[in-house]
Amino acid sequence: MTLFAGVLGAASPPLLVAMRWPLVLAGLGLLLVVVLALRRIEGDGVETPPGHAFKLTHALGMASIIALMSLLAA
């Protein structure tokens, strides 16, 4: 959020001023989600057993979506 606000402020200061409340509310929403997620963490701190970080089909699907969006943006 901070990086986005910095880029937005550099590109268009009037737009940053116009978007200040939606950005503040988005930041508060993110903070709320983090607090709620941290409160839900349970366990004794033991790490889960090692496994696969992702499925190959998921990685290929994400790569396909990114490639398609890049082609559409060009």
N, C-alpha and C. Protein backbone atom coordinates (compact mmCIF):
# COMPACT_ATOMS: atom_id res chain seq x y z
N MET A 1 0.82 -1.18 0.00
CA MET A 1 0.00 0.00 0.00
C MET A 1 0.87 1.25 0.00
N THR A 2 1.95 1.22 0.77
CA THR A 2 2.81 2.39 0.84
C THR A 2 3.49 2.65 -0.50
N LEU A 3 3.95 1.57 -1.13
CA LEU A 3 4.58 1.71 -2.44
C LEU A 3 3.58 2.24 -3.46
N PHE A 4 2.37 1.70 -3.43
CA PHE A 4 1.34 2.15 -4.35
C PHE A 4 1.03 3.63 -4.15
N ALA A 5 0.92 4.05 -2.90
CA ALA A 5 0.63 5.45 -2.62
C ALA A 5 1.79 6.34 -3.08
N GLY A 6 3.02 5.87 -2.91
CA GLY A 6 4.18 6.65 -3.37
C GLY A 6 4.19 6.81 -4.88
N VAL A 7 3.92 5.73 -5.59
CA VAL A 7 3.89 5.79 -7.06
C VAL A 7 2.73 6.67 -7.52
N LEU A 8 1.59 6.52 -6.88
CA LEU A 8 0.43 7.34 -7.24
C LEU A 8 0.70 8.82 -6.97
N GLY A 9 1.35 9.12 -5.86
CA GLY A 9 1.67 10.50 -5.54
C GLY A 9 2.68 11.10 -6.49
N ALA A 10 3.63 10.29 -6.96
CA ALA A 10 4.62 10.78 -7.91
C ALA A 10 4.01 10.99 -9.28
N ALA A 11 3.09 10.11 -9.66
CA ALA A 11 2.50 10.20 -10.99
C ALA A 11 1.43 11.29 -11.06
N SER A 12 0.63 11.40 -10.03
CA SER A 12 -0.47 12.37 -10.06
C SER A 12 -0.86 12.77 -8.64
N PRO A 13 -0.23 13.81 -8.11
CA PRO A 13 -0.57 14.26 -6.75
C PRO A 13 -2.05 14.58 -6.55
N PRO A 14 -2.74 15.21 -7.52
CA PRO A 14 -4.18 15.46 -7.29
C PRO A 14 -4.98 14.16 -7.15
N LEU A 15 -4.58 13.13 -7.90
CA LEU A 15 -5.28 11.85 -7.78
C LEU A 15 -5.04 11.22 -6.42
N LEU A 16 -3.81 11.35 -5.90
CA LEU A 16 -3.52 10.82 -4.57
C LEU A 16 -4.39 11.52 -3.52
N VAL A 17 -4.54 12.83 -3.65
CA VAL A 17 -5.39 13.56 -2.70
C VAL A 17 -6.84 13.10 -2.82
N ALA A 18 -7.29 12.88 -4.05
CA ALA A 18 -8.67 12.43 -4.26
C ALA A 18 -8.89 11.01 -3.74
N MET A 19 -7.84 10.19 -3.75
CA MET A 19 -7.97 8.79 -3.34
C MET A 19 -7.53 8.54 -1.90
N ARG A 20 -7.33 9.59 -1.12
CA ARG A 20 -6.77 9.39 0.22
C ARG A 20 -7.67 8.55 1.11
N TRP A 21 -8.99 8.78 1.11
CA TRP A 21 -9.86 8.02 1.99
C TRP A 21 -10.02 6.57 1.55
N PRO A 22 -10.18 6.28 0.26
CA PRO A 22 -10.21 4.85 -0.12
C PRO A 22 -8.90 4.14 0.23
N LEU A 23 -7.77 4.83 0.09
CA LEU A 23 -6.49 4.21 0.43
C LEU A 23 -6.37 3.99 1.94
N VAL A 24 -6.83 4.95 2.73
CA VAL A 24 -6.79 4.79 4.18
C VAL A 24 -7.69 3.62 4.60
N LEU A 25 -8.88 3.54 4.03
CA LEU A 25 -9.80 2.45 4.36
C LEU A 25 -9.24 1.09 3.92
N ALA A 26 -8.58 1.05 2.77
CA ALA A 26 -7.96 -0.20 2.32
C ALA A 26 -6.85 -0.62 3.28
N GLY A 27 -6.05 0.34 3.72
CA GLY A 27 -4.99 0.04 4.68
C GLY A 27 -5.55 -0.47 5.99
N LEU A 28 -6.62 0.15 6.47
CA LEU A 28 -7.25 -0.31 7.71
C LEU A 28 -7.85 -1.71 7.54
N GLY A 29 -8.41 -1.97 6.37
CA GLY A 29 -8.94 -3.31 6.09
C GLY A 29 -7.85 -4.36 6.10
N LEU A 30 -6.71 -4.03 5.49
CA LEU A 30 -5.58 -4.97 5.51
C LEU A 30 -5.08 -5.20 6.93
N LEU A 31 -5.01 -4.14 7.71
CA LEU A 31 -4.57 -4.26 9.09
C LEU A 31 -5.54 -5.15 9.88
N LEU A 32 -6.82 -5.00 9.67
CA LEU A 32 -7.81 -5.81 10.35
C LEU A 32 -7.66 -7.29 9.99
N VAL A 33 -7.45 -7.57 8.71
CA VAL A 33 -7.27 -8.96 8.27
C VAL A 33 -6.03 -9.57 8.92
N VAL A 34 -4.95 -8.82 8.98
CA VAL A 34 -3.73 -9.33 9.60
C VAL A 34 -3.94 -9.61 11.08
N VAL A 35 -4.60 -8.70 11.78
CA VAL A 35 -4.85 -8.90 13.21
C VAL A 35 -5.72 -10.13 13.44
N LEU A 36 -6.77 -10.27 12.64
CA LEU A 36 -7.64 -11.44 12.79
C LEU A 36 -6.91 -12.73 12.45
N ALA A 37 -6.07 -12.71 11.44
CA ALA A 37 -5.31 -13.90 11.06
C ALA A 37 -4.32 -14.28 12.16
N LEU A 38 -3.67 -13.28 12.75
CA LEU A 38 -2.72 -13.58 13.82
C LEU A 38 -3.42 -14.12 15.06
N ARG A 39 -4.64 -13.70 15.30
CA ARG A 39 -5.37 -14.21 16.46
C ARG A 39 -5.82 -15.64 16.24
N ARG A 40 -5.99 -16.05 14.99
CA ARG A 40 -6.47 -17.40 14.70
C ARG A 40 -5.36 -18.43 14.67
N ILE A 41 -4.12 -17.98 14.64
CA ILE A 41 -3.01 -18.92 14.58
C ILE A 41 -2.99 -19.74 15.87
N GLU A 42 -3.00 -21.03 15.69
CA GLU A 42 -2.99 -21.93 16.84
C GLU A 42 -1.85 -22.91 16.68
N GLY A 43 -1.55 -23.62 17.72
CA GLY A 43 -0.51 -24.64 17.66
C GLY A 43 0.60 -24.34 18.63
N ASP A 44 1.55 -25.26 18.65
CA ASP A 44 2.66 -25.13 19.58
C ASP A 44 3.93 -24.65 18.90
N GLY A 45 3.82 -24.17 17.69
CA GLY A 45 4.98 -23.64 16.99
C GLY A 45 5.76 -24.68 16.21
N VAL A 46 5.28 -25.92 16.21
CA VAL A 46 5.97 -26.97 15.48
C VAL A 46 5.68 -26.81 14.00
N GLU A 47 6.72 -26.88 13.21
CA GLU A 47 6.54 -26.71 11.77
C GLU A 47 5.85 -27.93 11.18
N THR A 48 5.15 -27.68 10.11
CA THR A 48 4.49 -28.79 9.41
C THR A 48 5.55 -29.61 8.68
N PRO A 49 5.28 -30.87 8.44
CA PRO A 49 6.27 -31.70 7.75
C PRO A 49 6.52 -31.17 6.34
N PRO A 50 7.73 -31.37 5.84
CA PRO A 50 8.05 -30.86 4.50
C PRO A 50 7.19 -31.55 3.44
N GLY A 51 6.87 -30.80 2.45
CA GLY A 51 6.06 -31.32 1.36
C GLY A 51 6.28 -30.47 0.13
N HIS A 52 5.44 -30.65 -0.82
CA HIS A 52 5.54 -29.85 -2.05
C HIS A 52 4.96 -28.47 -1.79
N ALA A 53 5.66 -27.47 -2.28
CA ALA A 53 5.19 -26.10 -2.07
C ALA A 53 4.01 -25.77 -2.98
N PHE A 54 3.95 -26.40 -4.14
CA PHE A 54 2.86 -26.13 -5.06
C PHE A 54 2.73 -27.30 -6.02
N LYS A 55 1.61 -27.35 -6.71
CA LYS A 55 1.41 -28.36 -7.74
C LYS A 55 1.85 -27.76 -9.07
N LEU A 56 2.39 -28.58 -9.91
CA LEU A 56 2.85 -28.13 -11.22
C LEU A 56 1.70 -27.56 -12.04
N THR A 57 0.54 -28.16 -11.94
CA THR A 57 -0.61 -27.65 -12.72
C THR A 57 -1.00 -26.25 -12.26
N HIS A 58 -0.89 -25.98 -10.96
CA HIS A 58 -1.20 -24.64 -10.47
C HIS A 58 -0.19 -23.62 -10.99
N ALA A 59 1.08 -23.99 -10.98
CA ALA A 59 2.12 -23.08 -11.46
C ALA A 59 1.94 -22.80 -12.95
N LEU A 60 1.63 -23.83 -13.72
CA LEU A 60 1.42 -23.63 -15.16
C LEU A 60 0.16 -22.81 -15.42
N GLY A 61 -0.86 -22.99 -14.62
CA GLY A 61 -2.07 -22.20 -14.77
C GLY A 61 -1.81 -20.73 -14.49
N MET A 62 -1.08 -20.44 -13.43
CA MET A 62 -0.76 -19.05 -13.11
C MET A 62 0.12 -18.44 -14.20
N ALA A 63 1.10 -19.20 -14.69
CA ALA A 63 1.96 -18.69 -15.76
C ALA A 63 1.14 -18.40 -17.02
N SER A 64 0.16 -19.25 -17.31
CA SER A 64 -0.69 -19.03 -18.48
C SER A 64 -1.53 -17.76 -18.32
N ILE A 65 -2.06 -17.55 -17.14
CA ILE A 65 -2.86 -16.35 -16.89
C ILE A 65 -2.00 -15.10 -17.03
N ILE A 66 -0.79 -15.13 -16.47
CA ILE A 66 0.11 -13.98 -16.58
C ILE A 66 0.49 -13.72 -18.03
N ALA A 67 0.78 -14.79 -18.78
CA ALA A 67 1.13 -14.63 -20.19
C ALA A 67 -0.05 -14.06 -20.98
N LEU A 68 -1.25 -14.54 -20.70
CA LEU A 68 -2.43 -14.04 -21.41
C LEU A 68 -2.65 -12.56 -21.09
N MET A 69 -2.52 -12.17 -19.83
CA MET A 69 -2.71 -10.77 -19.48
C MET A 69 -1.63 -9.90 -20.11
N SER A 70 -0.41 -10.40 -20.22
CA SER A 70 0.66 -9.64 -20.88
C SER A 70 0.35 -9.46 -22.36
N LEU A 71 -0.16 -10.49 -23.01
CA LEU A 71 -0.52 -10.38 -24.42
C LEU A 71 -1.68 -9.41 -24.63
N LEU A 72 -2.64 -9.45 -23.74
CA LEU A 72 -3.79 -8.56 -23.87
C LEU A 72 -3.40 -7.10 -23.62
N ALA A 73 -2.41 -6.89 -22.76
CA ALA A 73 -1.98 -5.53 -22.45
C ALA A 73 -1.12 -4.93 -23.55
N ALA A 74 -0.53 -5.78 -24.38
CA ALA A 74 0.37 -5.27 -25.42
C ALA A 74 -0.38 -4.64 -26.58
